[in-house]
C-alpha atoms as a PDB file:
ATOM      1  CA  MET A   1     -43.841  23.546 -53.010  1.00  0.00           C
ATOM      2  CA  ARG A   2     -41.440  23.813 -55.935  1.00  0.00           C
ATOM      3  CA  TYR A   3     -43.086  24.097 -59.333  1.00  0.00           C
ATOM      4  CA  PRO A   4     -41.283  22.640 -62.346  1.00  0.00           C
ATOM      5  CA  TRP A   5     -41.521  25.855 -64.362  1.00  0.00           C
ATOM      6  CA  GLN A   6     -39.673  27.789 -61.653  1.00  0.00           C
ATOM      7  CA  GLN A   7     -36.317  26.013 -61.905  1.00  0.00           C
ATOM      8  CA  ALA A   8     -34.757  28.654 -64.149  1.00  0.00           C
ATOM      9  CA  ASP A   9     -36.156  31.433 -61.941  1.00  0.00           C
ATOM     10  CA  TRP A  10     -34.634  29.789 -58.886  1.00  0.00           C
ATOM     11  CA  GLN A  11     -31.235  29.526 -60.560  1.00  0.00           C
ATOM     12  CA  ARG A  12     -31.389  33.232 -61.438  1.00  0.00           C
ATOM     13  CA  LEU A  13     -32.258  34.135 -57.889  1.00  0.00           C
ATOM     14  CA  ALA A  14     -29.772  31.740 -56.242  1.00  0.00           C
ATOM     15  CA  ALA A  15     -26.955  33.541 -58.012  1.00  0.00           C
ATOM     16  CA  ASN A  16     -27.850  36.607 -55.920  1.00  0.00           C
ATOM     17  CA  PHE A  17     -27.709  34.896 -52.514  1.00  0.00           C
ATOM     18  CA  ALA A  18     -24.110  36.036 -52.047  1.00  0.00           C
ATOM     19  CA  ARG A  19     -25.157  39.687 -52.368  1.00  0.00           C
ATOM     20  CA  LEU A  20     -28.617  39.869 -50.876  1.00  0.00           C
ATOM     21  CA  PRO A  21     -30.712  43.010 -51.351  1.00  0.00           C
ATOM     22  CA  ASN A  22     -32.727  44.384 -48.452  1.00  0.00           C
ATOM     23  CA  ALA A  23     -35.901  43.742 -50.398  1.00  0.00           C
ATOM     24  CA  TRP A  24     -37.059  41.673 -53.343  1.00  0.00           C
ATOM     25  CA  LEU A  25     -40.273  42.289 -55.269  1.00  0.00           C
ATOM     26  CA  PHE A  26     -41.664  39.163 -56.950  1.00  0.00           C
ATOM     27  CA  THR A  27     -44.092  39.959 -59.749  1.00  0.00           C
ATOM     28  CA  GLY A  28     -46.060  38.113 -62.406  1.00  0.00           C
ATOM     29  CA  PRO A  29     -49.615  37.003 -63.218  1.00  0.00           C
ATOM     30  CA  SER A  30     -51.803  35.599 -60.486  1.00  0.00           C
ATOM     31  CA  GLY A  31     -51.752  31.811 -60.416  1.00  0.00           C
ATOM     32  CA  ILE A  32     -48.120  31.108 -61.365  1.00  0.00           C
ATOM     33  CA  GLY A  33     -46.915  30.350 -57.840  1.00  0.00           C
ATOM     34  CA  LYS A  34     -45.375  33.646 -56.703  1.00  0.00           C
ATOM     35  CA  SER A  35     -46.436  33.145 -53.092  1.00  0.00           C
ATOM     36  CA  GLU A  36     -45.000  29.639 -52.957  1.00  0.00           C
ATOM     37  CA  PHE A  37     -41.774  30.866 -54.567  1.00  0.00           C
ATOM     38  CA  ALA A  38     -41.423  33.653 -51.981  1.00  0.00           C
ATOM     39  CA  HIS A  39     -41.939  31.194 -49.148  1.00  0.00           C
ATOM     40  CA  GLN A  40     -39.294  28.887 -50.600  1.00  0.00           C
ATOM     41  CA  VAL A  41     -36.916  31.867 -50.670  1.00  0.00           C
ATOM     42  CA  ALA A  42     -37.768  32.734 -47.069  1.00  0.00           C
ATOM     43  CA  LYS A  43     -37.223  29.145 -45.969  1.00  0.00           C
ATOM     44  CA  ALA A  44     -33.876  29.026 -47.771  1.00  0.00           C
ATOM     45  CA  LEU A  45     -32.711  32.320 -46.243  1.00  0.00           C
ATOM     46  CA  LEU A  46     -33.488  31.032 -42.755  1.00  0.00           C
ATOM     47  CA  CYS A  47     -32.087  27.535 -43.302  1.00  0.00           C
ATOM     48  CA  GLU A  48     -28.951  26.735 -41.306  1.00  0.00           C
ATOM     49  CA  ASN A  49     -27.670  24.210 -43.828  1.00  0.00           C
ATOM     50  CA  GLN A  50     -28.412  25.557 -47.321  1.00  0.00           C
ATOM     51  CA  GLN A  51     -27.900  23.133 -50.182  1.00  0.00           C
ATOM     52  CA  PRO A  52     -25.479  23.816 -53.065  1.00  0.00           C
ATOM     53  CA  ASP A  53     -28.388  25.131 -55.165  1.00  0.00           C
ATOM     54  CA  GLN A  54     -29.371  27.418 -52.243  1.00  0.00           C
ATOM     55  CA  HIS A  55     -32.549  25.463 -51.453  1.00  0.00           C
ATOM     56  CA  ALA A  56     -33.337  24.820 -47.807  1.00  0.00           C
ATOM     57  CA  CYS A  57     -32.175  21.480 -46.434  1.00  0.00           C
ATOM     58  CA  GLY A  58     -35.532  20.654 -44.859  1.00  0.00           C
ATOM     59  CA  GLN A  59     -33.802  18.903 -41.949  1.00  0.00           C
ATOM     60  CA  CYS A  60     -32.334  21.568 -39.653  1.00  0.00           C
ATOM     61  CA  GLN A  61     -34.116  23.067 -36.655  1.00  0.00           C
ATOM     62  CA  ALA A  62     -34.859  26.259 -38.616  1.00  0.00           C
ATOM     63  CA  CYS A  63     -36.532  24.280 -41.417  1.00  0.00           C
ATOM     64  CA  HIS A  64     -38.641  22.350 -38.907  1.00  0.00           C
ATOM     65  CA  TRP A  65     -39.760  25.579 -37.263  1.00  0.00           C
ATOM     66  CA  PHE A  66     -40.577  27.119 -40.650  1.00  0.00           C
ATOM     67  CA  ALA A  67     -42.619  24.076 -41.680  1.00  0.00           C
ATOM     68  CA  ALA A  68     -44.533  24.280 -38.399  1.00  0.00           C
ATOM     69  CA  GLY A  69     -45.231  27.980 -38.978  1.00  0.00           C
ATOM     70  CA  ASN A  70     -43.489  29.206 -35.837  1.00  0.00           C
ATOM     71  CA  HIS A  71     -39.999  30.283 -36.867  1.00  0.00           C
ATOM     72  CA  PRO A  72     -39.125  33.185 -34.507  1.00  0.00           C
ATOM     73  CA  ASP A  73     -37.227  35.089 -37.224  1.00  0.00           C
ATOM     74  CA  TYR A  74     -40.003  35.004 -39.808  1.00  0.00           C
ATOM     75  CA  ARG A  75     -43.121  37.122 -40.311  1.00  0.00           C
ATOM     76  CA  HIS A  76     -45.852  36.860 -42.963  1.00  0.00           C
ATOM     77  CA  LEU A  77     -47.872  40.051 -43.533  1.00  0.00           C
ATOM     78  CA  THR A  78     -51.203  39.684 -45.369  1.00  0.00           C
ATOM     79  CA  PRO A  79     -54.597  41.437 -45.273  1.00  0.00           C
ATOM     80  CA  ALA A  80     -56.319  40.957 -41.930  1.00  0.00           C
ATOM     81  CA  GLN A  81     -59.194  38.492 -41.747  1.00  0.00           C
ATOM     82  CA  ASP A  82     -62.706  39.259 -40.587  1.00  0.00           C
ATOM     83  CA  ASP A  83     -63.323  36.960 -37.628  1.00  0.00           C
ATOM     84  CA  ASP A  84     -67.066  37.584 -37.800  1.00  0.00           C
ATOM     85  CA  GLU A  85     -67.349  35.034 -40.598  1.00  0.00           C
ATOM     86  CA  ASP A  86     -67.378  31.296 -39.969  1.00  0.00           C
ATOM     87  CA  GLU A  87     -64.499  29.217 -41.202  1.00  0.00           C
ATOM     88  CA  GLY A  88     -64.904  27.287 -44.421  1.00  0.00           C
ATOM     89  CA  LYS A  89     -63.748  26.862 -47.958  1.00  0.00           C
ATOM     90  CA  GLU A  90     -63.845  29.548 -50.626  1.00  0.00           C
ATOM     91  CA  GLY A  91     -67.412  30.487 -51.370  1.00  0.00           C
ATOM     92  CA  LYS A  92     -68.857  28.702 -48.326  1.00  0.00           C
ATOM     93  CA  ALA A  93     -69.147  31.428 -45.680  1.00  0.00           C
ATOM     94  CA  ALA A  94     -65.355  31.468 -45.507  1.00  0.00           C
ATOM     95  CA  LYS A  95     -63.454  33.989 -43.464  1.00  0.00           C
ATOM     96  CA  ARG A  96     -63.529  37.100 -45.578  1.00  0.00           C
ATOM     97  CA  LYS A  97     -60.228  38.814 -46.252  1.00  0.00           C
ATOM     98  CA  LEU A  98     -60.330  42.552 -46.012  1.00  0.00           C
ATOM     99  CA  PRO A  99     -59.037  44.308 -49.106  1.00  0.00           C
ATOM    100  CA  VAL A 100     -56.067  45.997 -47.456  1.00  0.00           C
ATOM    101  CA  ILE A 101     -53.039  45.506 -45.248  1.00  0.00           C
ATOM    102  CA  LYS A 102     -53.430  48.069 -42.485  1.00  0.00           C
ATOM    103  CA  ILE A 103     -50.796  50.107 -40.713  1.00  0.00           C
ATOM    104  CA  ASP A 104     -51.054  48.116 -37.471  1.00  0.00           C
ATOM    105  CA  GLY A 105     -49.698  45.066 -39.252  1.00  0.00           C
ATOM    106  CA  VAL A 106     -46.813  47.051 -40.725  1.00  0.00           C
ATOM    107  CA  ARG A 107     -45.989  48.521 -37.315  1.00  0.00           C
ATOM    108  CA  GLU A 108     -45.744  45.019 -35.849  1.00  0.00           C
ATOM    109  CA  VAL A 109     -43.409  44.018 -38.672  1.00  0.00           C
ATOM    110  CA  ILE A 110     -41.265  47.126 -38.109  1.00  0.00           C
ATOM    111  CA  ASP A 111     -40.974  46.276 -34.398  1.00  0.00           C
ATOM    112  CA  PHE A 112     -39.985  42.731 -35.354  1.00  0.00           C
ATOM    113  CA  ALA A 113     -37.383  44.008 -37.850  1.00  0.00           C
ATOM    114  CA  HIS A 114     -35.608  45.969 -35.110  1.00  0.00           C
ATOM    115  CA  LEU A 115     -35.344  42.990 -32.751  1.00  0.00           C
ATOM    116  CA  SER A 116     -32.266  40.811 -32.515  1.00  0.00           C
ATOM    117  CA  SER A 117     -32.349  37.528 -34.385  1.00  0.00           C
ATOM    118  CA  HIS A 118     -33.209  34.500 -32.268  1.00  0.00           C
ATOM    119  CA  ARG A 119     -30.865  32.271 -34.259  1.00  0.00           C
ATOM    120  CA  GLY A 120     -28.086  34.722 -34.997  1.00  0.00           C
ATOM    121  CA  GLY A 121     -28.925  34.857 -38.709  1.00  0.00           C
ATOM    122  CA  LEU A 122     -31.342  36.725 -40.944  1.00  0.00           C
ATOM    123  CA  ARG A 123     -34.863  37.859 -40.201  1.00  0.00           C
ATOM    124  CA  VAL A 124     -37.295  37.563 -43.109  1.00  0.00           C
ATOM    125  CA  VAL A 125     -40.619  39.300 -43.789  1.00  0.00           C
ATOM    126  CA  VAL A 126     -42.992  38.265 -46.601  1.00  0.00           C
ATOM    127  CA  VAL A 127     -45.580  40.889 -47.633  1.00  0.00           C
ATOM    128  CA  GLU A 128     -48.385  39.698 -49.920  1.00  0.00           C
ATOM    129  CA  PRO A 129     -50.146  40.933 -51.864  1.00  0.00           C
ATOM    130  CA  ALA A 130     -48.028  44.040 -51.534  1.00  0.00           C
ATOM    131  CA  GLU A 131     -50.463  46.116 -53.599  1.00  0.00           C
ATOM    132  CA  SER A 132     -53.071  45.660 -50.844  1.00  0.00           C
ATOM    133  CA  LEU A 133     -51.126  47.968 -48.494  1.00  0.00           C
ATOM    134  CA  ASN A 134     -53.340  50.941 -47.684  1.00  0.00           C
ATOM    135  CA  PRO A 135     -51.728  54.404 -48.030  1.00  0.00           C
ATOM    136  CA  ALA A 136     -50.700  54.677 -44.373  1.00  0.00           C
ATOM    137  CA  ALA A 137     -49.303  51.137 -44.341  1.00  0.00           C
ATOM    138  CA  ALA A 138     -47.446  51.707 -47.625  1.00  0.00           C
ATOM    139  CA  ASN A 139     -45.803  54.855 -46.310  1.00  0.00           C
ATOM    140  CA  ALA A 140     -44.817  53.129 -43.074  1.00  0.00           C
ATOM    141  CA  LEU A 141     -43.279  50.235 -44.991  1.00  0.00           C
ATOM    142  CA  LEU A 142     -41.462  52.693 -47.260  1.00  0.00           C
ATOM    143  CA  LYS A 143     -39.737  54.252 -44.260  1.00  0.00           C
ATOM    144  CA  VAL A 144     -38.304  50.945 -43.086  1.00  0.00           C
ATOM    145  CA  LEU A 145     -37.249  50.069 -46.656  1.00  0.00           C
ATOM    146  CA  GLU A 146     -35.448  53.408 -46.920  1.00  0.00           C
ATOM    147  CA  GLU A 147     -33.498  52.734 -43.711  1.00  0.00           C
ATOM    148  CA  PRO A 148     -33.593  48.941 -43.397  1.00  0.00           C
ATOM    149  CA  PRO A 149     -32.287  47.332 -40.217  1.00  0.00           C
ATOM    150  CA  ALA A 150     -29.263  45.101 -40.639  1.00  0.00           C
ATOM    151  CA  GLU A 151     -29.793  41.425 -41.446  1.00  0.00           C
ATOM    152  CA  VAL A 152     -33.455  41.836 -42.432  1.00  0.00           C
ATOM    153  CA  VAL A 153     -34.784  40.812 -45.863  1.00  0.00           C
ATOM    154  CA  PHE A 154     -38.227  41.849 -47.116  1.00  0.00           C
ATOM    155  CA  LEU A 155     -39.904  39.700 -49.777  1.00  0.00           C
ATOM    156  CA  LEU A 156     -42.811  41.508 -51.460  1.00  0.00           C
ATOM    157  CA  VAL A 157     -45.229  39.632 -53.717  1.00  0.00           C
ATOM    158  CA  ALA A 158     -47.461  41.529 -56.162  1.00  0.00           C
ATOM    159  CA  ASP A 159     -49.919  40.586 -58.909  1.00  0.00           C
ATOM    160  CA  ALA A 160     -50.316  44.266 -59.821  1.00  0.00           C
ATOM    161  CA  PRO A 161     -47.013  46.049 -59.096  1.00  0.00           C
ATOM    162  CA  GLN A 162     -48.277  49.137 -60.935  1.00  0.00           C
ATOM    163  CA  ARG A 163     -50.473  49.776 -57.890  1.00  0.00           C
ATOM    164  CA  LEU A 164     -47.454  50.010 -55.581  1.00  0.00           C
ATOM    165  CA  LEU A 165     -45.852  53.309 -54.666  1.00  0.00           C
ATOM    166  CA  PRO A 166     -43.035  53.992 -57.155  1.00  0.00           C
ATOM    167  CA  THR A 167     -40.784  54.714 -54.184  1.00  0.00           C
ATOM    168  CA  ILE A 168     -41.453  51.245 -52.749  1.00  0.00           C
ATOM    169  CA  LYS A 169     -40.639  49.644 -56.078  1.00  0.00           C
ATOM    170  CA  SER A 170     -37.446  51.659 -56.310  1.00  0.00           C
ATOM    171  CA  ARG A 171     -36.317  50.283 -52.930  1.00  0.00           C
ATOM    172  CA  CYS A 172     -36.761  46.677 -54.054  1.00  0.00           C
ATOM    173  CA  ARG A 173     -34.862  44.486 -56.472  1.00  0.00           C
ATOM    174  CA  GLN A 174     -37.624  43.554 -58.893  1.00  0.00           C
ATOM    175  CA  PHE A 175     -37.784  39.906 -59.883  1.00  0.00           C
ATOM    176  CA  PRO A 176     -40.453  38.971 -62.472  1.00  0.00           C
ATOM    177  CA  LEU A 177     -41.363  35.293 -62.319  1.00  0.00           C
ATOM    178  CA  THR A 178     -41.955  33.203 -65.418  1.00  0.00           C
ATOM    179  CA  ALA A 179     -45.423  31.944 -66.330  1.00  0.00           C
ATOM    180  CA  PRO A 180     -45.484  28.273 -67.368  1.00  0.00           C
ATOM    181  CA  ALA A 181     -45.943  27.204 -70.972  1.00  0.00           C
ATOM    182  CA  ALA A 182     -49.398  25.754 -71.666  1.00  0.00           C
ATOM    183  CA  ASP A 183     -48.167  22.177 -72.040  1.00  0.00           C
ATOM    184  CA  VAL A 184     -46.118  22.363 -68.841  1.00  0.00           C
ATOM    185  CA  ALA A 185     -49.048  23.819 -66.896  1.00  0.00           C
ATOM    186  CA  LEU A 186     -51.437  21.153 -68.212  1.00  0.00           C
ATOM    187  CA  ALA A 187     -48.999  18.325 -67.479  1.00  0.00           C
ATOM    188  CA  TRP A 188     -48.522  19.524 -63.910  1.00  0.00           C
ATOM    189  CA  LEU A 189     -52.261  19.901 -63.296  1.00  0.00           C
ATOM    190  CA  SER A 190     -52.913  16.436 -64.711  1.00  0.00           C
ATOM    191  CA  GLN A 191     -50.345  15.021 -62.282  1.00  0.00           C
ATOM    192  CA  GLN A 192     -52.374  16.529 -59.431  1.00  0.00           C
ATOM    193  CA  GLY A 193     -55.219  14.178 -60.292  1.00  0.00           C
ATOM    194  CA  LEU A 194     -57.672  16.606 -61.924  1.00  0.00           C
ATOM    195  CA  ASP A 195     -59.802  14.680 -64.405  1.00  0.00           C
ATOM    196  CA  ASN A 196     -60.896  17.924 -66.078  1.00  0.00           C
ATOM    197  CA  ALA A 197     -57.473  19.570 -65.969  1.00  0.00           C
ATOM    198  CA  ALA A 198     -57.735  21.165 -69.431  1.00  0.00           C
ATOM    199  CA  ALA A 199     -61.094  22.817 -68.682  1.00  0.00           C
ATOM    200  CA  GLU A 200     -59.939  24.046 -65.261  1.00  0.00           C
ATOM    201  CA  LEU A 201     -56.696  25.410 -66.689  1.00  0.00           C
ATOM    202  CA  ALA A 202     -58.629  27.297 -69.373  1.00  0.00           C
ATOM    203  CA  PHE A 203     -61.058  28.719 -66.807  1.00  0.00           C
ATOM    204  CA  HIS A 204     -58.103  30.033 -64.767  1.00  0.00           C
ATOM    205  CA  GLY A 205     -56.616  31.762 -67.791  1.00  0.00           C
ATOM    206  CA  GLY A 206     -53.816  29.231 -68.309  1.00  0.00           C
ATOM    207  CA  MET A 207     -52.408  29.805 -64.799  1.00  0.00           C
ATOM    208  CA  PRO A 208     -52.189  26.450 -63.003  1.00  0.00           C
ATOM    209  CA  VAL A 209     -51.878  27.402 -59.316  1.00  0.00           C
ATOM    210  CA  PHE A 210     -55.351  27.580 -57.806  1.00  0.00           C
ATOM    211  CA  GLU A 211     -57.370  25.904 -55.088  1.00  0.00           C
ATOM    212  CA  TYR A 212     -59.572  23.295 -56.702  1.00  0.00           C
ATOM    213  CA  ASP A 213     -62.954  22.519 -55.186  1.00  0.00           C
ATOM    214  CA  ALA A 214     -64.818  19.824 -57.109  1.00  0.00           C
ATOM    215  CA  GLU A 215     -68.177  20.789 -55.600  1.00  0.00           C
ATOM    216  CA  LEU A 216     -67.696  24.454 -56.445  1.00  0.00           C
ATOM    217  CA  ALA A 217     -66.583  23.553 -59.983  1.00  0.00           C
ATOM    218  CA  ALA A 218     -69.802  21.569 -60.430  1.00  0.00           C
ATOM    219  CA  VAL A 219     -71.867  24.548 -59.223  1.00  0.00           C
ATOM    220  CA  ARG A 220     -70.012  26.788 -61.673  1.00  0.00           C
ATOM    221  CA  GLN A 221     -70.618  24.412 -64.570  1.00  0.00           C
ATOM    222  CA  ASP A 222     -74.304  24.219 -63.721  1.00  0.00           C
ATOM    223  CA  PHE A 223     -74.536  28.021 -63.637  1.00  0.00           C
ATOM    224  CA  ILE A 224     -72.723  28.435 -66.960  1.00  0.00           C
ATOM    225  CA  THR A 225     -74.904  25.803 -68.589  1.00  0.00           C
ATOM    226  CA  SER A 226     -77.969  27.773 -67.492  1.00  0.00           C
ATOM    227  CA  LEU A 227     -76.620  30.811 -69.380  1.00  0.00           C
ATOM    228  CA  THR A 228     -76.977  28.907 -72.648  1.00  0.00           C
ATOM    229  CA  GLN A 229     -80.761  28.738 -72.120  1.00  0.00           C
ATOM    230  CA  ILE A 230     -82.079  32.234 -72.741  1.00  0.00           C
ATOM    231  CA  GLY A 231     -85.277  32.749 -70.792  1.00  0.00           C
ATOM    232  CA  MET A 232     -86.687  33.874 -67.462  1.00  0.00           C
ATOM    233  CA  GLY A 233     -87.241  30.294 -66.339  1.00  0.00           C
ATOM    234  CA  SER A 234     -83.579  29.458 -66.795  1.00  0.00           C
ATOM    235  CA  VAL A 235     -82.547  32.538 -64.790  1.00  0.00           C
ATOM    236  CA  LEU A 236     -84.859  31.673 -61.891  1.00  0.00           C
ATOM    237  CA  THR A 237     -83.684  28.070 -61.856  1.00  0.00           C
ATOM    238  CA  ALA A 238     -80.056  29.167 -61.815  1.00  0.00           C
ATOM    239  CA  MET A 239     -80.698  31.523 -58.894  1.00  0.00           C
ATOM    240  CA  GLU A 240     -82.505  28.852 -56.886  1.00  0.00           C
ATOM    241  CA  LYS A 241     -79.531  26.524 -57.262  1.00  0.00           C
ATOM    242  CA  LEU A 242     -77.019  29.210 -56.313  1.00  0.00           C
ATOM    243  CA  ASP A 243     -79.082  30.119 -53.239  1.00  0.00           C
ATOM    244  CA  ARG A 244     -78.464  26.684 -51.751  1.00  0.00           C
ATOM    245  CA  HIS A 245     -74.721  27.293 -51.632  1.00  0.00           C
ATOM    246  CA  LYS A 246     -74.672  30.785 -50.051  1.00  0.00           C
ATOM    247  CA  LEU A 247     -71.883  31.957 -52.338  1.00  0.00           C
ATOM    248  CA  PRO A 248     -70.333  35.400 -52.090  1.00  0.00           C
ATOM    249  CA  LEU A 249     -71.309  37.546 -55.053  1.00  0.00           C
ATOM    250  CA  ALA A 250     -67.717  37.587 -56.313  1.00  0.00           C
ATOM    251  CA  LEU A 251     -67.893  33.994 -57.544  1.00  0.00           C
ATOM    252  CA  PRO A 252     -70.894  34.182 -59.913  1.00  0.00           C
ATOM    253  CA  LEU A 253     -69.667  37.629 -61.002  1.00  0.00           C
ATOM    254  CA  SER A 254     -66.345  36.076 -62.000  1.00  0.00           C
ATOM    255  CA  TRP A 255     -68.046  33.189 -63.782  1.00  0.00           C
ATOM    256  CA  LEU A 256     -70.415  35.477 -65.679  1.00  0.00           C
ATOM    257  CA  GLY A 257     -67.649  37.979 -66.484  1.00  0.00           C
ATOM    258  CA  LYS A 258     -65.551  35.302 -68.144  1.00  0.00           C
ATOM    259  CA  TRP A 259     -68.606  34.039 -70.025  1.00  0.00           C
ATOM    260  CA  LEU A 260     -69.271  37.541 -71.381  1.00  0.00           C
ATOM    261  CA  HIS A 261     -65.611  37.854 -72.373  1.00  0.00           C
ATOM    262  CA  ASP A 262     -65.787  34.596 -74.321  1.00  0.00           C
ATOM    263  CA  LEU A 263     -69.025  35.549 -76.041  1.00  0.00           C
ATOM    264  CA  ALA A 264     -67.495  38.835 -77.214  1.00  0.00           C
ATOM    265  CA  SER A 265     -64.260  37.134 -78.227  1.00  0.00           C
ATOM    266  CA  LEU A 266     -66.081  34.461 -80.213  1.00  0.00           C
ATOM    267  CA  LYS A 267     -68.225  37.094 -81.925  1.00  0.00           C
ATOM    268  CA  LEU A 268     -65.324  39.377 -82.824  1.00  0.00           C
ATOM    269  CA  ALA A 269     -62.339  37.050 -83.182  1.00  0.00           C
ATOM    270  CA  GLY A 270     -63.725  33.529 -83.481  1.00  0.00           C
ATOM    271  CA  MET A 271     -62.047  32.210 -80.320  1.00  0.00           C
ATOM    272  CA  VAL A 272     -62.742  31.606 -76.648  1.00  0.00           C
ATOM    273  CA  ARG A 273     -60.406  31.595 -73.663  1.00  0.00           C
ATOM    274  CA  TYR A 274     -62.135  30.525 -70.464  1.00  0.00           C
ATOM    275  CA  TYR A 275     -64.827  28.043 -71.577  1.00  0.00           C
ATOM    276  CA  PRO A 276     -63.492  26.238 -74.683  1.00  0.00           C
ATOM    277  CA  ASP A 277     -65.665  23.207 -73.972  1.00  0.00           C
ATOM    278  CA  MET A 278     -68.733  25.461 -74.199  1.00  0.00           C
ATOM    279  CA  GLN A 279     -67.865  26.944 -77.602  1.00  0.00           C
ATOM    280  CA  PRO A 280     -70.554  25.016 -79.549  1.00  0.00           C
ATOM    281  CA  ALA A 281     -73.239  26.271 -77.149  1.00  0.00           C
ATOM    282  CA  MET A 282     -71.894  29.823 -77.425  1.00  0.00           C
ATOM    283  CA  ALA A 283     -71.900  29.620 -81.208  1.00  0.00           C
ATOM    284  CA  ARG A 284     -75.631  28.877 -81.165  1.00  0.00           C
ATOM    285  CA  LEU A 285     -76.197  32.134 -79.255  1.00  0.00           C
ATOM    286  CA  LEU A 286     -74.218  34.388 -81.585  1.00  0.00           C
ATOM    287  CA  PRO A 287     -76.958  35.110 -84.157  1.00  0.00           C
ATOM    288  CA  ARG A 288     -79.051  36.712 -81.389  1.00  0.00           C
ATOM    289  CA  LEU A 289     -76.188  38.519 -79.641  1.00  0.00           C
ATOM    290  CA  ASP A 290     -76.287  42.310 -79.427  1.00  0.00           C
ATOM    291  CA  MET A 291     -72.762  43.620 -78.729  1.00  0.00           C
ATOM    292  CA  GLN A 292     -73.987  46.955 -77.398  1.00  0.00           C
ATOM    293  CA  GLN A 293     -76.178  45.192 -74.843  1.00  0.00           C
ATOM    294  CA  LEU A 294     -73.348  42.848 -73.972  1.00  0.00           C
ATOM    295  CA  MET A 295     -71.084  45.800 -73.188  1.00  0.00           C
ATOM    296  CA  HIS A 296     -73.865  47.313 -71.082  1.00  0.00           C
ATOM    297  CA  CYS A 297     -74.182  44.054 -69.148  1.00  0.00           C
ATOM    298  CA  GLN A 298     -70.426  44.051 -68.571  1.00  0.00           C
ATOM    299  CA  ARG A 299     -70.575  47.607 -67.219  1.00  0.00           C
ATOM    300  CA  GLU A 300     -73.332  46.633 -64.810  1.00  0.00           C
ATOM    301  CA  LEU A 301     -71.257  43.671 -63.675  1.00  0.00           C
ATOM    302  CA  ASN A 302     -68.235  45.896 -63.056  1.00  0.00           C
ATOM    303  CA  LEU A 303     -70.343  48.118 -60.787  1.00  0.00           C
ATOM    304  CA  LEU A 304     -71.028  45.123 -58.540  1.00  0.00           C
ATOM    305  CA  VAL A 305     -67.413  43.981 -58.222  1.00  0.00           C
ATOM    306  CA  PRO A 306     -66.652  46.147 -55.131  1.00  0.00           C
ATOM    307  CA  PHE A 307     -69.456  44.322 -53.296  1.00  0.00           C
ATOM    308  CA  GLY A 308     -68.221  40.884 -54.285  1.00  0.00           C
ATOM    309  CA  GLN A 309     -67.540  39.495 -50.813  1.00  0.00           C
ATOM    310  CA  HIS A 310     -71.054  40.058 -49.508  1.00  0.00           C
ATOM    311  CA  THR A 311     -73.559  37.206 -49.322  1.00  0.00           C
ATOM    312  CA  LEU A 312     -76.676  39.007 -48.107  1.00  0.00           C
ATOM    313  CA  VAL A 313     -77.549  40.699 -51.378  1.00  0.00           C
ATOM    314  CA  THR A 314     -76.342  38.045 -53.786  1.00  0.00           C
ATOM    315  CA  ARG A 315     -79.724  36.949 -55.122  1.00  0.00           C
ATOM    316  CA  LEU A 316     -81.215  40.399 -55.713  1.00  0.00           C
ATOM    317  CA  GLN A 317     -78.053  41.807 -57.273  1.00  0.00           C
ATOM    318  CA  LEU A 318     -77.427  38.784 -59.451  1.00  0.00           C
ATOM    319  CA  GLU A 319     -81.029  38.530 -60.600  1.00  0.00           C
ATOM    320  CA  ALA A 320     -80.903  42.170 -61.731  1.00  0.00           C
ATOM    321  CA  LEU A 321     -77.644  41.500 -63.558  1.00  0.00           C
ATOM    322  CA  LEU A 322     -79.072  38.433 -65.285  1.00  0.00           C
ATOM    323  CA  MET A 323     -81.986  40.554 -66.498  1.00  0.00           C
ATOM    324  CA  HIS A 324     -79.373  42.661 -68.294  1.00  0.00           C
ATOM    325  CA  TYR A 325     -77.878  39.435 -69.632  1.00  0.00           C
ATOM    326  CA  LEU A 326     -81.197  38.395 -71.150  1.00  0.00           C
ATOM    327  CA  LYS A 327     -81.354  41.710 -72.998  1.00  0.00           C
ATOM    328  CA  VAL A 328     -78.082  40.798 -74.723  1.00  0.00           C
ATOM    329  CA  PHE A 329     -80.152  38.376 -76.802  1.00  0.00           C
ATOM    330  CA  SER A 330     -83.472  40.200 -76.968  1.00  0.00           C
ATOM    331  CA  GLY A 331     -82.426  43.384 -78.750  1.00  0.00           C
ATOM    332  CA  LYS A 332     -84.447  45.416 -76.230  1.00  0.00           C
ATOM    333  CA  ASN A 333     -83.186  48.519 -74.431  1.00  0.00           C
END
């Protein structure tokens, strides 16, 4: 997919097609379409009939293979998936991605990079998110970047490039991608048919590329609404509703974390970022809000983040966290 806010970025990059680096590093905030951009680059590099603007033609054999996901000169390296989980959408017992790219995956890519091209052209490897390489995998990738095989291009995608080895970054041509302006992002989301595009865009921090699940959005809204009713009954009701959906802990942690951010921001700066449609309800809570307790609640939430992909302990962990949330408005230690 080509996003309208990436036209200028594409023109910048297309000017470099005549002198390709061995590796590009695409950076920028999560949700601006870095992955899609990298795949468009890969498709264009493998295309056998590039257009004048360097985009892929979409008609040649190479483009058909790429679209089908079986181009012999292309590899896509991502964190391995845990096959013990059932398939499904995000938050619904989905396959759980492990947090790292392991060395076995990098070794397979290195073997691929030293093979001859099936089509007599380039071989392309996309690595994303590059910051998820574990230390052994990162060092293995560094070695191949230091002595890259001929006619191989690596495309690394990173939300947090500061977590990459400096030596890996130094072997790549860094290419920061542009985040869309708010009006452009909202216009694009509205064209996708989202009735609540403004609220969804705000919840995702102004970044428009995300997987939208109407059912999950309704569950989130129900949970956030329950946070406006301070009391044990509201907490128990919220937990009963969440239990029906078997969500990984990461989702309600994210929802609550953004709610705490907005409460603090409204208290200290008079503005909200993630839940602007809930600002009147937040304002009614401010007279009872204890900032010290709010910060304590945030710290407790941060301690749970590493366990975010587990479903077995969601209720107990979240109930304990919501007890801390209630203290934000009780003034009790």
